[in-house]
Each structure stands twice: as C-alpha cells, then as structure tokens.
N, C-alpha and C. Protein backbone atom coordinates (compact mmCIF):
# COMPACT_ATOMS: atom_id res chain seq x y z
N UNK A 1 51.56 71.49 -9.26
CA UNK A 1 52.03 70.46 -10.18
C UNK A 1 53.44 70.85 -10.60
N UNK A 2 54.40 69.98 -10.28
CA UNK A 2 55.80 70.26 -10.61
C UNK A 2 56.60 68.96 -10.65
N UNK A 3 57.53 68.82 -11.59
CA UNK A 3 58.37 67.63 -11.61
C UNK A 3 59.23 67.52 -10.37
N UNK A 4 59.37 68.58 -9.62
CA UNK A 4 60.15 68.58 -8.38
C UNK A 4 59.33 68.06 -7.20
N UNK A 5 58.05 67.81 -7.41
CA UNK A 5 57.18 67.37 -6.32
C UNK A 5 57.24 65.89 -6.04
N UNK A 6 56.57 65.51 -4.98
CA UNK A 6 56.47 64.11 -4.60
C UNK A 6 55.52 63.42 -5.58
N UNK A 7 55.89 62.24 -6.08
CA UNK A 7 55.01 61.54 -7.03
C UNK A 7 53.63 61.27 -6.41
N UNK A 8 52.60 61.54 -7.17
CA UNK A 8 51.23 61.31 -6.71
C UNK A 8 50.96 59.81 -6.71
N UNK A 9 50.20 59.34 -5.75
CA UNK A 9 49.84 57.93 -5.66
C UNK A 9 48.33 57.78 -5.65
N UNK A 10 47.87 56.58 -5.91
CA UNK A 10 46.43 56.33 -5.86
C UNK A 10 45.90 56.59 -4.45
N UNK A 11 46.69 56.26 -3.43
CA UNK A 11 46.27 56.52 -2.06
C UNK A 11 46.07 58.02 -1.83
N UNK A 12 47.00 58.84 -2.33
CA UNK A 12 46.87 60.29 -2.17
C UNK A 12 45.68 60.81 -2.97
N UNK A 13 45.43 60.24 -4.14
CA UNK A 13 44.25 60.62 -4.94
C UNK A 13 42.99 60.34 -4.13
N UNK A 14 42.92 59.19 -3.46
CA UNK A 14 41.75 58.85 -2.63
C UNK A 14 41.57 59.88 -1.52
N UNK A 15 42.67 60.27 -0.89
CA UNK A 15 42.60 61.28 0.17
C UNK A 15 42.09 62.61 -0.37
N UNK A 16 42.60 63.03 -1.52
CA UNK A 16 42.16 64.28 -2.12
C UNK A 16 40.68 64.22 -2.51
N UNK A 17 40.27 63.08 -3.07
CA UNK A 17 38.88 62.92 -3.51
C UNK A 17 37.91 62.96 -2.32
N UNK A 18 38.37 62.50 -1.17
CA UNK A 18 37.51 62.46 0.01
C UNK A 18 37.53 63.78 0.78
N UNK A 19 38.49 64.63 0.47
CA UNK A 19 38.68 65.84 1.25
C UNK A 19 37.76 66.98 0.85
N UNK A 20 38.03 68.14 1.43
CA UNK A 20 37.18 69.29 1.17
C UNK A 20 37.43 69.97 -0.18
N UNK A 21 38.48 69.56 -0.87
CA UNK A 21 38.82 70.19 -2.14
C UNK A 21 40.23 70.72 -2.10
N UNK A 22 40.75 71.08 -3.25
CA UNK A 22 42.11 71.60 -3.35
C UNK A 22 42.15 72.73 -4.37
N UNK A 23 43.18 73.48 -4.31
CA UNK A 23 43.50 74.48 -5.34
C UNK A 23 44.75 73.96 -6.02
N UNK A 24 44.71 73.85 -7.33
CA UNK A 24 45.84 73.33 -8.08
C UNK A 24 46.54 74.47 -8.80
N UNK A 25 47.83 74.63 -8.54
CA UNK A 25 48.63 75.66 -9.21
C UNK A 25 49.40 74.99 -10.34
N UNK A 26 49.34 75.58 -11.52
CA UNK A 26 50.03 75.04 -12.69
C UNK A 26 51.05 76.04 -13.19
N UNK A 27 52.30 75.67 -13.12
CA UNK A 27 53.34 76.53 -13.67
C UNK A 27 53.39 76.37 -15.19
N UNK A 28 54.13 77.24 -15.84
CA UNK A 28 54.27 77.17 -17.29
C UNK A 28 55.75 77.29 -17.62
N UNK A 29 56.26 76.40 -18.43
CA UNK A 29 57.66 76.34 -18.86
C UNK A 29 58.61 76.22 -17.67
N UNK A 30 59.03 77.27 -17.06
CA UNK A 30 60.03 77.18 -15.99
C UNK A 30 59.43 77.01 -14.60
N UNK A 31 58.14 76.92 -14.49
CA UNK A 31 57.54 76.60 -13.19
C UNK A 31 57.24 77.82 -12.35
N UNK A 32 57.56 77.70 -11.05
CA UNK A 32 57.15 78.70 -10.06
C UNK A 32 58.36 79.44 -9.50
N UNK A 33 58.10 80.63 -9.03
CA UNK A 33 59.09 81.39 -8.28
C UNK A 33 59.27 80.68 -6.94
N UNK A 34 60.47 80.31 -6.60
CA UNK A 34 60.76 79.53 -5.39
C UNK A 34 60.28 80.24 -4.13
N UNK A 35 60.19 81.55 -4.16
CA UNK A 35 59.75 82.30 -2.98
C UNK A 35 58.32 81.94 -2.59
N UNK A 36 57.52 81.47 -3.56
CA UNK A 36 56.16 81.04 -3.25
C UNK A 36 56.20 79.90 -2.24
N UNK A 37 57.07 78.92 -2.48
CA UNK A 37 57.15 77.77 -1.59
C UNK A 37 57.81 78.13 -0.25
N UNK A 38 58.72 79.08 -0.29
CA UNK A 38 59.33 79.55 0.96
C UNK A 38 58.29 80.25 1.81
N UNK A 39 57.44 81.05 1.19
CA UNK A 39 56.43 81.81 1.91
C UNK A 39 55.23 80.96 2.32
N UNK A 40 54.97 79.90 1.59
CA UNK A 40 53.80 79.04 1.85
C UNK A 40 54.24 77.57 1.95
N UNK A 41 54.91 77.19 3.04
CA UNK A 41 55.42 75.82 3.16
C UNK A 41 54.31 74.76 3.18
N UNK A 42 53.07 75.17 3.39
CA UNK A 42 51.95 74.22 3.39
C UNK A 42 51.56 73.78 1.98
N UNK A 43 52.10 74.43 0.96
CA UNK A 43 51.80 74.01 -0.42
C UNK A 43 52.43 72.66 -0.67
N UNK A 44 51.62 71.73 -1.10
CA UNK A 44 52.10 70.39 -1.42
C UNK A 44 52.52 70.36 -2.89
N UNK A 45 53.79 70.10 -3.12
CA UNK A 45 54.30 70.01 -4.48
C UNK A 45 54.13 68.57 -4.96
N UNK A 46 53.44 68.40 -6.08
CA UNK A 46 53.07 67.08 -6.57
C UNK A 46 53.58 66.90 -8.00
N UNK A 47 54.09 65.71 -8.26
CA UNK A 47 54.52 65.33 -9.60
C UNK A 47 53.63 64.22 -10.13
N UNK A 48 53.25 64.31 -11.39
CA UNK A 48 52.43 63.29 -12.01
C UNK A 48 53.26 62.05 -12.33
N UNK A 49 54.45 62.24 -12.84
CA UNK A 49 55.33 61.13 -13.22
C UNK A 49 56.72 61.69 -13.45
N UNK A 50 57.65 60.82 -13.75
CA UNK A 50 59.02 61.26 -14.03
C UNK A 50 59.13 61.75 -15.47
N UNK A 51 58.36 62.80 -15.75
CA UNK A 51 58.34 63.42 -17.07
C UNK A 51 58.26 64.93 -16.88
N UNK A 52 58.56 65.68 -17.93
CA UNK A 52 58.45 67.13 -17.89
C UNK A 52 57.49 67.55 -18.99
N UNK A 53 56.50 68.35 -18.62
CA UNK A 53 55.53 68.89 -19.58
C UNK A 53 55.79 70.38 -19.76
N UNK A 54 55.14 70.99 -20.73
CA UNK A 54 55.28 72.43 -20.94
C UNK A 54 54.65 73.23 -19.82
N UNK A 55 53.65 72.64 -19.20
CA UNK A 55 52.95 73.29 -18.09
C UNK A 55 52.24 72.25 -17.27
N UNK A 56 51.68 72.66 -16.15
CA UNK A 56 51.03 71.73 -15.25
C UNK A 56 49.58 71.44 -15.56
N UNK A 57 49.04 72.06 -16.63
CA UNK A 57 47.61 71.92 -16.90
C UNK A 57 47.19 70.48 -17.20
N UNK A 58 47.95 69.79 -18.02
CA UNK A 58 47.59 68.41 -18.36
C UNK A 58 47.73 67.50 -17.14
N UNK A 59 48.74 67.73 -16.33
CA UNK A 59 48.90 66.96 -15.11
C UNK A 59 47.74 67.24 -14.15
N UNK A 60 47.31 68.51 -14.09
CA UNK A 60 46.19 68.87 -13.23
C UNK A 60 44.90 68.20 -13.70
N UNK A 61 44.69 68.16 -15.01
CA UNK A 61 43.50 67.48 -15.54
C UNK A 61 43.52 65.99 -15.21
N UNK A 62 44.70 65.39 -15.28
CA UNK A 62 44.84 63.98 -14.93
C UNK A 62 44.51 63.77 -13.46
N UNK A 63 45.03 64.63 -12.60
CA UNK A 63 44.75 64.54 -11.17
C UNK A 63 43.25 64.71 -10.92
N UNK A 64 42.63 65.67 -11.57
CA UNK A 64 41.19 65.88 -11.42
C UNK A 64 40.38 64.67 -11.87
N UNK A 65 40.74 64.10 -13.01
CA UNK A 65 40.03 62.93 -13.50
C UNK A 65 40.15 61.78 -12.52
N UNK A 66 41.35 61.57 -11.99
CA UNK A 66 41.57 60.49 -11.02
C UNK A 66 40.71 60.69 -9.77
N UNK A 67 40.54 61.93 -9.35
CA UNK A 67 39.70 62.23 -8.17
C UNK A 67 38.21 62.12 -8.49
N UNK A 68 37.79 62.69 -9.60
CA UNK A 68 36.37 62.72 -9.95
C UNK A 68 35.80 61.32 -10.07
N UNK A 69 36.54 60.40 -10.66
CA UNK A 69 36.01 59.05 -10.84
C UNK A 69 35.78 58.34 -9.52
N UNK A 70 36.36 58.85 -8.42
CA UNK A 70 36.16 58.25 -7.10
C UNK A 70 34.97 58.83 -6.35
N UNK A 71 34.36 59.86 -6.88
CA UNK A 71 33.17 60.43 -6.25
C UNK A 71 32.05 59.41 -6.37
N UNK A 72 31.37 59.11 -5.26
CA UNK A 72 30.30 58.10 -5.31
C UNK A 72 29.29 58.39 -6.42
N UNK A 73 28.99 57.34 -7.19
CA UNK A 73 28.04 57.44 -8.28
C UNK A 73 28.64 57.71 -9.64
N UNK A 74 29.87 58.22 -9.69
CA UNK A 74 30.49 58.54 -10.98
C UNK A 74 30.77 57.28 -11.79
N UNK A 75 31.28 56.23 -11.13
CA UNK A 75 31.60 55.00 -11.85
C UNK A 75 30.43 54.02 -11.89
N UNK A 76 29.34 54.35 -11.29
CA UNK A 76 28.20 53.43 -11.28
C UNK A 76 28.18 52.64 -10.00
N UNK A 77 28.55 51.36 -10.08
CA UNK A 77 28.53 50.49 -8.90
C UNK A 77 29.56 50.96 -7.87
N UNK A 78 29.19 50.86 -6.61
CA UNK A 78 30.06 51.35 -5.53
C UNK A 78 31.43 50.68 -5.51
N UNK A 79 31.53 49.43 -5.91
CA UNK A 79 32.79 48.70 -5.87
C UNK A 79 33.52 48.67 -7.21
N UNK A 80 33.11 49.49 -8.16
CA UNK A 80 33.72 49.47 -9.50
C UNK A 80 35.22 49.68 -9.47
N UNK A 81 35.72 50.48 -8.59
CA UNK A 81 37.15 50.77 -8.56
C UNK A 81 37.95 49.92 -7.60
N UNK A 82 37.31 48.96 -6.93
CA UNK A 82 37.99 48.20 -5.87
C UNK A 82 39.08 47.29 -6.39
N UNK A 83 38.98 46.77 -7.61
CA UNK A 83 39.97 45.82 -8.12
C UNK A 83 40.85 46.41 -9.21
N UNK A 84 40.99 47.71 -9.25
CA UNK A 84 41.80 48.33 -10.29
C UNK A 84 43.27 48.41 -9.90
N UNK A 85 44.09 48.72 -10.88
CA UNK A 85 45.52 48.88 -10.63
C UNK A 85 45.75 49.85 -9.47
N UNK A 86 46.70 49.53 -8.63
CA UNK A 86 47.17 50.32 -7.50
C UNK A 86 46.27 50.28 -6.27
N UNK A 87 45.03 49.81 -6.40
CA UNK A 87 44.13 49.81 -5.24
C UNK A 87 44.60 48.87 -4.15
N UNK A 88 45.24 47.78 -4.52
CA UNK A 88 45.76 46.85 -3.51
C UNK A 88 47.27 46.69 -3.64
N UNK A 89 47.91 47.66 -4.28
CA UNK A 89 49.35 47.64 -4.44
C UNK A 89 49.84 46.84 -5.64
N UNK A 90 48.90 46.35 -6.45
CA UNK A 90 49.25 45.55 -7.63
C UNK A 90 48.66 46.17 -8.88
N UNK A 91 49.17 45.75 -10.02
CA UNK A 91 48.52 46.09 -11.28
C UNK A 91 47.27 45.24 -11.41
N UNK A 92 46.31 45.73 -12.15
CA UNK A 92 45.08 44.98 -12.34
C UNK A 92 45.31 43.79 -13.26
N UNK A 93 44.51 42.78 -13.09
CA UNK A 93 44.56 41.57 -13.91
C UNK A 93 44.11 41.89 -15.34
N UNK A 94 44.45 41.03 -16.32
CA UNK A 94 44.02 41.24 -17.70
C UNK A 94 42.51 41.11 -17.87
N UNK A 95 41.99 41.81 -18.85
CA UNK A 95 40.56 41.74 -19.16
C UNK A 95 40.36 41.15 -20.55
N UNK A 96 39.22 40.51 -20.73
CA UNK A 96 38.85 39.92 -22.02
C UNK A 96 37.40 40.28 -22.32
N UNK A 97 37.10 40.44 -23.61
CA UNK A 97 35.75 40.75 -24.05
C UNK A 97 35.33 39.76 -25.13
N UNK A 98 34.27 40.04 -25.82
CA UNK A 98 33.82 39.18 -26.91
C UNK A 98 34.50 39.62 -28.19
N UNK A 99 34.69 38.74 -29.13
CA UNK A 99 34.23 37.34 -29.19
C UNK A 99 35.14 36.44 -28.36
N UNK A 100 34.70 35.22 -28.14
CA UNK A 100 35.47 34.25 -27.34
C UNK A 100 36.81 33.95 -28.00
N UNK A 101 36.86 33.96 -29.31
CA UNK A 101 38.12 33.76 -30.04
C UNK A 101 38.34 34.96 -30.95
N UNK A 102 39.57 35.46 -30.94
CA UNK A 102 39.94 36.60 -31.78
C UNK A 102 41.35 36.35 -32.30
N UNK A 103 41.47 36.34 -33.61
CA UNK A 103 42.74 36.09 -34.29
C UNK A 103 43.46 34.85 -33.74
N UNK A 104 42.67 33.80 -33.48
CA UNK A 104 43.23 32.56 -32.99
C UNK A 104 43.53 32.53 -31.50
N UNK A 105 43.25 33.62 -30.81
CA UNK A 105 43.50 33.70 -29.36
C UNK A 105 42.16 33.58 -28.64
N UNK A 106 42.14 32.76 -27.59
CA UNK A 106 40.89 32.55 -26.86
C UNK A 106 40.96 33.13 -25.45
N UNK A 107 39.80 33.33 -24.90
CA UNK A 107 39.69 33.76 -23.51
C UNK A 107 40.08 32.57 -22.64
N UNK A 108 40.89 32.78 -21.59
CA UNK A 108 41.27 31.67 -20.73
C UNK A 108 40.04 30.90 -20.22
N UNK A 109 40.16 29.60 -20.21
CA UNK A 109 39.05 28.71 -19.82
C UNK A 109 38.52 29.04 -18.43
N UNK A 110 39.40 29.35 -17.50
CA UNK A 110 38.96 29.63 -16.13
C UNK A 110 37.95 30.78 -16.10
N UNK A 111 38.11 31.76 -16.98
CA UNK A 111 37.19 32.90 -16.99
C UNK A 111 35.83 32.53 -17.57
N UNK A 112 35.78 31.43 -18.30
CA UNK A 112 34.52 30.97 -18.88
C UNK A 112 33.87 29.88 -18.02
N UNK A 113 34.54 29.51 -16.92
CA UNK A 113 34.09 28.37 -16.12
C UNK A 113 32.88 28.67 -15.24
N UNK A 114 32.70 29.92 -14.85
CA UNK A 114 31.63 30.26 -13.93
C UNK A 114 31.99 30.01 -12.48
N UNK A 115 33.19 29.49 -12.22
CA UNK A 115 33.65 29.21 -10.86
C UNK A 115 34.28 30.49 -10.30
N UNK A 116 33.53 31.21 -9.50
CA UNK A 116 33.96 32.52 -9.02
C UNK A 116 35.22 32.46 -8.16
N UNK A 117 35.37 31.41 -7.39
CA UNK A 117 36.58 31.26 -6.56
C UNK A 117 37.81 31.06 -7.43
N UNK A 118 37.69 30.21 -8.45
CA UNK A 118 38.83 29.98 -9.35
C UNK A 118 39.14 31.25 -10.15
N UNK A 119 38.12 31.96 -10.56
CA UNK A 119 38.32 33.22 -11.30
C UNK A 119 39.06 34.22 -10.41
N UNK A 120 38.64 34.35 -9.16
CA UNK A 120 39.30 35.28 -8.23
C UNK A 120 40.76 34.88 -8.03
N UNK A 121 41.02 33.59 -7.89
CA UNK A 121 42.40 33.11 -7.73
C UNK A 121 43.24 33.41 -8.96
N UNK A 122 42.67 33.17 -10.15
CA UNK A 122 43.37 33.45 -11.39
C UNK A 122 43.68 34.93 -11.50
N UNK A 123 42.71 35.77 -11.19
CA UNK A 123 42.91 37.23 -11.26
C UNK A 123 44.02 37.68 -10.32
N UNK A 124 44.02 37.16 -9.09
CA UNK A 124 45.05 37.54 -8.12
C UNK A 124 46.43 37.11 -8.62
N UNK A 125 46.54 35.90 -9.11
CA UNK A 125 47.82 35.40 -9.62
C UNK A 125 48.30 36.23 -10.81
N UNK A 126 47.39 36.56 -11.72
CA UNK A 126 47.76 37.39 -12.88
C UNK A 126 48.22 38.77 -12.42
N UNK A 127 47.53 39.36 -11.44
CA UNK A 127 47.94 40.66 -10.92
C UNK A 127 49.33 40.59 -10.32
N UNK A 128 49.59 39.55 -9.55
CA UNK A 128 50.92 39.39 -8.95
C UNK A 128 51.99 39.19 -10.02
N UNK A 129 51.73 38.31 -10.98
CA UNK A 129 52.71 38.04 -12.03
C UNK A 129 52.99 39.28 -12.87
N UNK A 130 51.93 39.99 -13.27
CA UNK A 130 52.10 41.20 -14.08
C UNK A 130 52.85 42.28 -13.32
N UNK A 131 52.53 42.45 -12.05
CA UNK A 131 53.21 43.47 -11.25
C UNK A 131 54.68 43.11 -11.09
N UNK A 132 54.95 41.85 -10.80
CA UNK A 132 56.34 41.41 -10.62
C UNK A 132 57.15 41.64 -11.89
N UNK A 133 56.57 41.30 -13.04
CA UNK A 133 57.34 41.40 -14.29
C UNK A 133 57.34 42.80 -14.90
N UNK A 134 56.25 43.53 -14.79
CA UNK A 134 56.15 44.84 -15.44
C UNK A 134 56.54 46.01 -14.55
N UNK A 135 56.28 45.86 -13.26
CA UNK A 135 56.55 46.96 -12.33
C UNK A 135 57.23 46.44 -11.07
N UNK A 136 58.51 46.01 -11.20
CA UNK A 136 59.21 45.48 -10.03
C UNK A 136 59.26 46.47 -8.87
N UNK A 137 59.19 47.77 -9.16
CA UNK A 137 59.18 48.76 -8.09
C UNK A 137 57.92 48.63 -7.24
N UNK A 138 56.77 48.39 -7.87
CA UNK A 138 55.54 48.18 -7.11
C UNK A 138 55.59 46.85 -6.38
N UNK A 139 56.09 45.82 -7.06
CA UNK A 139 56.14 44.49 -6.46
C UNK A 139 57.00 44.51 -5.20
N UNK A 140 58.10 45.24 -5.24
CA UNK A 140 59.00 45.32 -4.10
C UNK A 140 58.30 45.90 -2.88
N UNK A 141 57.38 46.84 -3.11
CA UNK A 141 56.65 47.46 -2.00
C UNK A 141 55.43 46.66 -1.57
N UNK A 142 55.01 45.72 -2.40
CA UNK A 142 53.79 44.96 -2.12
C UNK A 142 54.04 43.92 -1.04
N UNK A 143 53.11 43.77 -0.13
CA UNK A 143 53.27 42.81 0.97
C UNK A 143 53.39 41.37 0.49
N UNK A 144 52.77 41.03 -0.63
CA UNK A 144 52.86 39.68 -1.15
C UNK A 144 54.26 39.32 -1.60
N UNK A 145 55.08 40.32 -1.89
CA UNK A 145 56.44 40.05 -2.36
C UNK A 145 57.28 39.40 -1.28
N UNK A 146 56.93 39.60 -0.03
CA UNK A 146 57.71 39.04 1.06
C UNK A 146 57.51 37.54 1.21
N UNK A 147 56.41 37.02 0.64
CA UNK A 147 56.16 35.59 0.77
C UNK A 147 56.18 34.88 -0.58
N UNK A 148 56.59 35.60 -1.63
CA UNK A 148 56.66 34.99 -2.96
C UNK A 148 57.99 35.34 -3.59
N UNK A 149 58.72 34.35 -4.03
CA UNK A 149 60.03 34.59 -4.62
C UNK A 149 59.88 35.20 -6.01
N UNK A 150 60.99 35.65 -6.56
CA UNK A 150 60.98 36.24 -7.90
C UNK A 150 60.53 35.24 -8.96
N UNK A 151 60.73 33.95 -8.70
CA UNK A 151 60.30 32.94 -9.67
C UNK A 151 58.81 32.71 -9.61
N UNK A 152 58.16 33.25 -8.58
CA UNK A 152 56.73 33.07 -8.43
C UNK A 152 56.37 31.96 -7.47
N UNK A 153 57.36 31.20 -6.98
CA UNK A 153 57.08 30.11 -6.05
C UNK A 153 56.68 30.69 -4.69
N UNK A 154 55.64 30.14 -4.14
CA UNK A 154 55.17 30.60 -2.83
C UNK A 154 56.10 30.09 -1.74
N UNK A 155 56.37 30.96 -0.78
CA UNK A 155 57.16 30.57 0.37
C UNK A 155 56.30 30.79 1.60
N UNK A 156 56.59 30.06 2.64
CA UNK A 156 55.85 30.23 3.88
C UNK A 156 56.25 31.57 4.50
N UNK A 157 55.26 32.34 4.91
CA UNK A 157 55.54 33.61 5.55
C UNK A 157 56.26 33.35 6.87
N UNK A 158 57.29 34.13 7.12
CA UNK A 158 58.06 33.94 8.35
C UNK A 158 57.25 34.47 9.54
N UNK A 159 57.31 33.70 10.61
CA UNK A 159 56.67 34.12 11.85
C UNK A 159 57.55 35.17 12.53
N UNK A 160 56.94 36.19 13.12
CA UNK A 160 57.76 37.19 13.82
C UNK A 160 58.44 36.56 15.04
N UNK A 161 59.66 37.02 15.31
CA UNK A 161 60.38 36.53 16.50
C UNK A 161 59.62 36.91 17.75
N UNK A 162 59.61 35.98 18.69
CA UNK A 162 58.88 36.26 19.95
C UNK A 162 59.82 36.44 21.10
C-alpha cells in the first residue's frame, strides 16, 4: 500500500478476491525502503486513492473489506453486488427507502410502478447521468460515453469502417 502505487480498481479487487490470497505490506510515515522494490520487482504497489495516510493499515483494511464482501455468501444473494458502483463502469443509481414521502420529497413514481423494465431503464439512465456529472473521468472511460453526448442526448453508434 503506497501513494506511489497504481490506483486500485474494482476489477483488480475482483481478481484479488478470486485469487489464492495476498500479503499486504503497510509502510508507516515515509513508506518503504526502495531497495525492497528493486529486489522484489514482483511486488505490486497499490494506491487506495490520491491521498496520503500516516500508514498503509487503513488502506489495507479497505482493500480487505472490498475483497471479503465478494466472497460467495458474504453479501447473501449471489447477485447482490452486480449492480453496484464500478461493476459496469458506472456509479450506482440512487436508492430510496420508506417512508414514501420524507420532508416533502417523494420516491420517484417509476420506482413505485412495479414495472420492472421501466425501473431498470430508469436505474440505467440515473447511473449514466450521475456518472457523467459526478465522475467525468469514469464516464470518459465508459463505453456508453461513445454513443451519448455530454448533454445526455443519445447518438447512433458509429459502424466500424469496413
């Protein structure tokens, strides 16, 4: 765990969770002696985010939590994590709970409709809109960005040249 490492991604977390296990090294204050990395080039240097902590322990706990929740049975239903942020390159759609009205704000009608196709469409659109506005870096990498303009208007996907 080091701010000099490659940023960890949900895809890499999935790979780690599926693998045989890892050993996590946590530096303290100034990090690691560079000779360690020179002597062991197979060590993967990983960064949690563009932040600096006093040590790697909290970042390691975060990495462990992200992996543990992917172990079958930990989250309950097998598909519990399928629609979460980063799983399909987008932020997750907004969630609503009870009561139906809170401080004058209501749950969107489509979510109360029982129409699963419309709900799925609404969720996808919300994920795209939120990702575009809140995380343009993710949106830029997302495949949907190539067929949707910044205004949100759908464009026809270009056919590859033949």
